[in-house]
């Protein structure tokens, strides 16, 4: 399982997101101790979740990253999620995607593509995020592209790859 809290100037401190081994991502109102949204991701295991600075939610598992839009509610002062529980299925798993909040999906490819262990959004650049994979790769992605824009790998040719379990942006050096 994994856990994320919003960040940024307008972040709701009473909000959190969790990912689980059953492929579900849940958004929580911590103050009320209630689940306010559930996303069925089609990942066999959600290994990483994070909030972007604009309030979207990223999840990763298997070989893909998914971005979810959190629906704003008009009765709670413009918070990023509604106060009622909603369940949203990944449209690739259902013929009815009219109520989906899935915004985009990126799939890792290439020789080092494998299970994505973690995802983290940039503190300053909207649409830029990092992933860490089981094949020893840390990659930088741009939401406007279909593949990673930069990658670092560990383990040489013919050598066993080191597992990259996590990747984080440093808020003190956000443009590195």
C-alpha atoms as a PDB file:
ATOM      1  CA  UNK A   1       0.000   0.000   0.000  1.00  0.00           C
ATOM      2  CA  UNK A   2       0.997   3.619  -0.455  1.00  0.00           C
ATOM      3  CA  UNK A   3      -0.122   7.000   0.858  1.00  0.00           C
ATOM      4  CA  UNK A   4       0.002  10.612  -0.375  1.00  0.00           C
ATOM      5  CA  UNK A   5      -1.017  14.009   0.952  1.00  0.00           C
ATOM      6  CA  UNK A   6      -1.579  17.163  -1.131  1.00  0.00           C
ATOM      7  CA  UNK A   7       1.142  19.777  -1.374  1.00  0.00           C
ATOM      8  CA  UNK A   8       1.339  23.355  -2.484  1.00  0.00           C
ATOM      9  CA  UNK A   9      -0.100  26.651  -1.333  1.00  0.00           C
ATOM     10  CA  UNK A  10      -3.769  25.661  -1.766  1.00  0.00           C
ATOM     11  CA  UNK A  11      -3.462  22.097  -0.456  1.00  0.00           C
ATOM     12  CA  UNK A  12      -6.164  20.704   1.806  1.00  0.00           C
ATOM     13  CA  UNK A  13      -4.408  19.340   4.869  1.00  0.00           C
ATOM     14  CA  UNK A  14      -7.392  17.160   5.724  1.00  0.00           C
ATOM     15  CA  UNK A  15      -7.110  15.185   2.468  1.00  0.00           C
ATOM     16  CA  UNK A  16      -5.110  12.038   1.706  1.00  0.00           C
ATOM     17  CA  UNK A  17      -4.976   9.353  -0.969  1.00  0.00           C
ATOM     18  CA  UNK A  18      -4.112   5.683  -0.628  1.00  0.00           C
ATOM     19  CA  UNK A  19      -3.342   2.902  -3.085  1.00  0.00           C
ATOM     20  CA  UNK A  20      -3.818  -0.777  -2.339  1.00  0.00           C
ATOM     21  CA  UNK A  21      -2.987  -4.266  -3.504  1.00  0.00           C
ATOM     22  CA  UNK A  22      -6.472  -4.730  -4.943  1.00  0.00           C
ATOM     23  CA  UNK A  23      -5.949  -2.028  -7.600  1.00  0.00           C
ATOM     24  CA  UNK A  24      -8.026   0.654  -5.869  1.00  0.00           C
ATOM     25  CA  UNK A  25      -7.039   4.236  -5.160  1.00  0.00           C
ATOM     26  CA  UNK A  26      -9.058   5.978  -2.480  1.00  0.00           C
ATOM     27  CA  UNK A  27      -9.250   9.647  -1.554  1.00  0.00           C
ATOM     28  CA  UNK A  28      -9.940  10.330   2.110  1.00  0.00           C
ATOM     29  CA  UNK A  29     -11.306  13.220   4.137  1.00  0.00           C
ATOM     30  CA  UNK A  30      -9.052  12.687   7.136  1.00  0.00           C
ATOM     31  CA  UNK A  31     -10.941  15.096   9.409  1.00  0.00           C
ATOM     32  CA  UNK A  32     -14.242  13.277   8.803  1.00  0.00           C
ATOM     33  CA  UNK A  33     -12.571   9.837   8.584  1.00  0.00           C
ATOM     34  CA  UNK A  34     -14.470   9.006   5.392  1.00  0.00           C
ATOM     35  CA  UNK A  35     -13.603   7.850   1.903  1.00  0.00           C
ATOM     36  CA  UNK A  36     -14.786  10.508  -0.571  1.00  0.00           C
ATOM     37  CA  UNK A  37     -13.719   8.867  -3.847  1.00  0.00           C
ATOM     38  CA  UNK A  38     -12.655   5.450  -5.103  1.00  0.00           C
ATOM     39  CA  UNK A  39     -10.890   4.774  -8.401  1.00  0.00           C
ATOM     40  CA  UNK A  40     -10.525   1.239  -9.779  1.00  0.00           C
ATOM     41  CA  UNK A  41      -7.264   1.565 -11.660  1.00  0.00           C
ATOM     42  CA  UNK A  42      -6.898  -1.797 -13.479  1.00  0.00           C
ATOM     43  CA  UNK A  43      -3.407  -2.041 -11.936  1.00  0.00           C
ATOM     44  CA  UNK A  44      -3.012  -5.406 -10.269  1.00  0.00           C
ATOM     45  CA  UNK A  45      -1.303  -3.588  -7.399  1.00  0.00           C
ATOM     46  CA  UNK A  46      -1.138   0.190  -6.859  1.00  0.00           C
ATOM     47  CA  UNK A  47       2.453   0.865  -5.846  1.00  0.00           C
ATOM     48  CA  UNK A  48       2.549   4.667  -5.823  1.00  0.00           C
ATOM     49  CA  UNK A  49       0.216   7.657  -5.535  1.00  0.00           C
ATOM     50  CA  UNK A  50       0.844  11.399  -5.396  1.00  0.00           C
ATOM     51  CA  UNK A  51      -0.987  14.684  -5.796  1.00  0.00           C
ATOM     52  CA  UNK A  52       0.107  17.261  -8.359  1.00  0.00           C
ATOM     53  CA  UNK A  53       0.381  20.905  -7.334  1.00  0.00           C
ATOM     54  CA  UNK A  54      -2.860  21.546  -9.245  1.00  0.00           C
ATOM     55  CA  UNK A  55      -4.749  18.892  -7.291  1.00  0.00           C
ATOM     56  CA  UNK A  56      -4.844  16.002  -9.761  1.00  0.00           C
ATOM     57  CA  UNK A  57      -3.949  12.530  -8.523  1.00  0.00           C
ATOM     58  CA  UNK A  58      -1.330  10.232 -10.083  1.00  0.00           C
ATOM     59  CA  UNK A  59      -1.219   6.477  -9.492  1.00  0.00           C
ATOM     60  CA  UNK A  60       1.239   3.866 -10.738  1.00  0.00           C
ATOM     61  CA  UNK A  61       1.522   0.113 -10.851  1.00  0.00           C
ATOM     62  CA  UNK A  62       2.326  -2.565 -13.397  1.00  0.00           C
ATOM     63  CA  UNK A  63       3.833  -0.601 -16.319  1.00  0.00           C
ATOM     64  CA  UNK A  64       1.643   2.512 -16.329  1.00  0.00           C
ATOM     65  CA  UNK A  65       0.917   5.854 -14.672  1.00  0.00           C
ATOM     66  CA  UNK A  66      -2.653   7.164 -14.569  1.00  0.00           C
ATOM     67  CA  UNK A  67      -3.784  10.725 -13.864  1.00  0.00           C
ATOM     68  CA  UNK A  68      -7.170  11.149 -12.165  1.00  0.00           C
ATOM     69  CA  UNK A  69      -9.191  14.359 -11.981  1.00  0.00           C
ATOM     70  CA  UNK A  70     -10.703  14.981  -8.571  1.00  0.00           C
ATOM     71  CA  UNK A  71     -14.190  16.422  -8.959  1.00  0.00           C
ATOM     72  CA  UNK A  72     -14.722  19.781  -7.243  1.00  0.00           C
ATOM     73  CA  UNK A  73     -17.805  20.225  -5.132  1.00  0.00           C
ATOM     74  CA  UNK A  74     -19.678  23.525  -5.054  1.00  0.00           C
ATOM     75  CA  UNK A  75     -20.999  23.142  -1.508  1.00  0.00           C
ATOM     76  CA  UNK A  76     -17.722  22.948   0.399  1.00  0.00           C
ATOM     77  CA  UNK A  77     -15.895  26.095  -0.645  1.00  0.00           C
ATOM     78  CA  UNK A  78     -14.199  24.704  -3.743  1.00  0.00           C
ATOM     79  CA  UNK A  79     -12.297  21.803  -2.264  1.00  0.00           C
ATOM     80  CA  UNK A  80     -10.791  19.316  -4.657  1.00  0.00           C
ATOM     81  CA  UNK A  81     -13.102  16.408  -3.896  1.00  0.00           C
ATOM     82  CA  UNK A  82     -16.776  15.955  -3.331  1.00  0.00           C
ATOM     83  CA  UNK A  83     -18.186  15.079   0.062  1.00  0.00           C
ATOM     84  CA  UNK A  84     -20.013  12.024  -1.238  1.00  0.00           C
ATOM     85  CA  UNK A  85     -18.401   8.731  -2.113  1.00  0.00           C
ATOM     86  CA  UNK A  86     -17.944   8.110  -5.815  1.00  0.00           C
ATOM     87  CA  UNK A  87     -16.582   5.026  -7.506  1.00  0.00           C
ATOM     88  CA  UNK A  88     -14.925   5.370 -10.863  1.00  0.00           C
ATOM     89  CA  UNK A  89     -13.744   2.489 -13.019  1.00  0.00           C
ATOM     90  CA  UNK A  90     -10.896   2.698 -15.463  1.00  0.00           C
ATOM     91  CA  UNK A  91     -12.627   3.168 -18.858  1.00  0.00           C
ATOM     92  CA  UNK A  92     -10.375   0.526 -20.413  1.00  0.00           C
ATOM     93  CA  UNK A  93     -12.183  -1.978 -18.204  1.00  0.00           C
ATOM     94  CA  UNK A  94     -15.713  -0.789 -18.985  1.00  0.00           C
ATOM     95  CA  UNK A  95     -17.745   0.207 -22.019  1.00  0.00           C
ATOM     96  CA  UNK A  96     -19.366   3.101 -20.101  1.00  0.00           C
ATOM     97  CA  UNK A  97     -16.770   5.795 -19.504  1.00  0.00           C
ATOM     98  CA  UNK A  98     -19.106   8.787 -19.289  1.00  0.00           C
ATOM     99  CA  UNK A  99     -18.566   9.241 -15.543  1.00  0.00           C
ATOM    100  CA  UNK A 100     -14.854   8.544 -15.581  1.00  0.00           C
ATOM    101  CA  UNK A 101     -12.371  10.886 -13.955  1.00  0.00           C
ATOM    102  CA  UNK A 102      -9.410   9.236 -15.687  1.00  0.00           C
ATOM    103  CA  UNK A 103      -7.586  11.987 -17.557  1.00  0.00           C
ATOM    104  CA  UNK A 104      -4.555  10.250 -19.065  1.00  0.00           C
ATOM    105  CA  UNK A 105      -2.436   7.095 -19.042  1.00  0.00           C
ATOM    106  CA  UNK A 106       1.297   6.727 -19.778  1.00  0.00           C
ATOM    107  CA  UNK A 107       2.887   3.316 -20.342  1.00  0.00           C
ATOM    108  CA  UNK A 108       6.542   2.503 -19.762  1.00  0.00           C
ATOM    109  CA  UNK A 109       8.275   0.782 -22.682  1.00  0.00           C
ATOM    110  CA  UNK A 110      11.740  -0.339 -23.701  1.00  0.00           C
ATOM    111  CA  UNK A 111      14.281  -2.783 -22.347  1.00  0.00           C
ATOM    112  CA  UNK A 112      14.140  -1.400 -18.790  1.00  0.00           C
ATOM    113  CA  UNK A 113      10.348  -1.057 -18.627  1.00  0.00           C
ATOM    114  CA  UNK A 114       8.854  -3.019 -15.802  1.00  0.00           C
ATOM    115  CA  UNK A 115       6.703  -2.651 -12.753  1.00  0.00           C
ATOM    116  CA  UNK A 116       6.565   0.985 -11.676  1.00  0.00           C
ATOM    117  CA  UNK A 117       7.208   1.179  -7.936  1.00  0.00           C
ATOM    118  CA  UNK A 118       6.627   4.883  -7.327  1.00  0.00           C
ATOM    119  CA  UNK A 119       5.514   8.178  -8.854  1.00  0.00           C
ATOM    120  CA  UNK A 120       6.123  11.770  -7.734  1.00  0.00           C
ATOM    121  CA  UNK A 121       4.943  15.041  -9.300  1.00  0.00           C
ATOM    122  CA  UNK A 122       7.148  18.090  -9.790  1.00  0.00           C
ATOM    123  CA  UNK A 123       6.771  20.883  -7.241  1.00  0.00           C
ATOM    124  CA  UNK A 124       7.025  23.625  -9.877  1.00  0.00           C
ATOM    125  CA  UNK A 125       6.243  22.294 -13.356  1.00  0.00           C
ATOM    126  CA  UNK A 126       2.687  21.140 -13.999  1.00  0.00           C
ATOM    127  CA  UNK A 127       2.558  17.884 -15.961  1.00  0.00           C
ATOM    128  CA  UNK A 128       6.085  16.729 -15.083  1.00  0.00           C
ATOM    129  CA  UNK A 129       6.567  13.646 -12.912  1.00  0.00           C
ATOM    130  CA  UNK A 130       9.113  10.959 -11.933  1.00  0.00           C
ATOM    131  CA  UNK A 131       8.778   7.187 -11.843  1.00  0.00           C
ATOM    132  CA  UNK A 132      10.938   4.490 -10.246  1.00  0.00           C
ATOM    133  CA  UNK A 133      10.866   0.964 -11.681  1.00  0.00           C
ATOM    134  CA  UNK A 134      11.685  -2.570 -10.628  1.00  0.00           C
ATOM    135  CA  UNK A 135      14.210  -2.719 -13.483  1.00  0.00           C
ATOM    136  CA  UNK A 136      16.385  -0.047 -11.905  1.00  0.00           C
ATOM    137  CA  UNK A 137      15.232   2.981 -13.891  1.00  0.00           C
ATOM    138  CA  UNK A 138      14.258   6.430 -12.637  1.00  0.00           C
ATOM    139  CA  UNK A 139      12.514   8.372 -15.401  1.00  0.00           C
ATOM    140  CA  UNK A 140      11.268  11.935 -15.881  1.00  0.00           C
ATOM    141  CA  UNK A 141       7.995  12.238 -17.795  1.00  0.00           C
ATOM    142  CA  UNK A 142       6.196  15.153 -19.440  1.00  0.00           C
ATOM    143  CA  UNK A 143       2.411  14.800 -19.613  1.00  0.00           C
ATOM    144  CA  UNK A 144       2.460  16.068 -23.203  1.00  0.00           C
ATOM    145  CA  UNK A 145       4.551  13.116 -24.404  1.00  0.00           C
ATOM    146  CA  UNK A 146       3.930   9.384 -24.643  1.00  0.00           C
ATOM    147  CA  UNK A 147       7.316   8.279 -23.298  1.00  0.00           C
ATOM    148  CA  UNK A 148       9.830   9.398 -20.697  1.00  0.00           C
ATOM    149  CA  UNK A 149      11.954  12.436 -21.569  1.00  0.00           C
ATOM    150  CA  UNK A 150      14.949  11.432 -19.394  1.00  0.00           C
ATOM    151  CA  UNK A 151      16.051   8.188 -17.755  1.00  0.00           C
ATOM    152  CA  UNK A 152      18.746   7.002 -15.362  1.00  0.00           C
ATOM    153  CA  UNK A 153      19.434   3.290 -14.935  1.00  0.00           C
ATOM    154  CA  UNK A 154      21.497   1.207 -12.556  1.00  0.00           C
ATOM    155  CA  UNK A 155      23.205  -2.058 -13.471  1.00  0.00           C
ATOM    156  CA  UNK A 156      25.326  -2.407 -16.608  1.00  0.00           C
ATOM    157  CA  UNK A 157      24.835  -4.497 -19.759  1.00  0.00           C
ATOM    158  CA  UNK A 158      24.430  -8.122 -18.800  1.00  0.00           C
ATOM    159  CA  UNK A 159      24.330  -7.218 -15.117  1.00  0.00           C
ATOM    160  CA  UNK A 160      21.298  -7.607 -12.929  1.00  0.00           C
ATOM    161  CA  UNK A 161      19.388  -4.370 -12.595  1.00  0.00           C
ATOM    162  CA  UNK A 162      19.097  -2.736  -9.214  1.00  0.00           C
ATOM    163  CA  UNK A 163      15.543  -2.165  -8.037  1.00  0.00           C
ATOM    164  CA  UNK A 164      14.495   1.510  -7.747  1.00  0.00           C
ATOM    165  CA  UNK A 165      11.876   1.595  -5.008  1.00  0.00           C
ATOM    166  CA  UNK A 166      11.213   5.336  -4.781  1.00  0.00           C
ATOM    167  CA  UNK A 167      11.902   8.634  -6.518  1.00  0.00           C
ATOM    168  CA  UNK A 168      11.263  12.117  -5.089  1.00  0.00           C
ATOM    169  CA  UNK A 169      11.631  15.689  -6.260  1.00  0.00           C
ATOM    170  CA  UNK A 170      13.643  17.798  -3.859  1.00  0.00           C
ATOM    171  CA  UNK A 171      11.508  20.865  -2.995  1.00  0.00           C
ATOM    172  CA  UNK A 172      14.707  22.784  -2.174  1.00  0.00           C
ATOM    173  CA  UNK A 173      16.003  22.258  -5.741  1.00  0.00           C
ATOM    174  CA  UNK A 174      12.819  21.921  -7.799  1.00  0.00           C
ATOM    175  CA  UNK A 175      14.425  22.384 -11.222  1.00  0.00           C
ATOM    176  CA  UNK A 176      17.154  19.744 -10.880  1.00  0.00           C
END
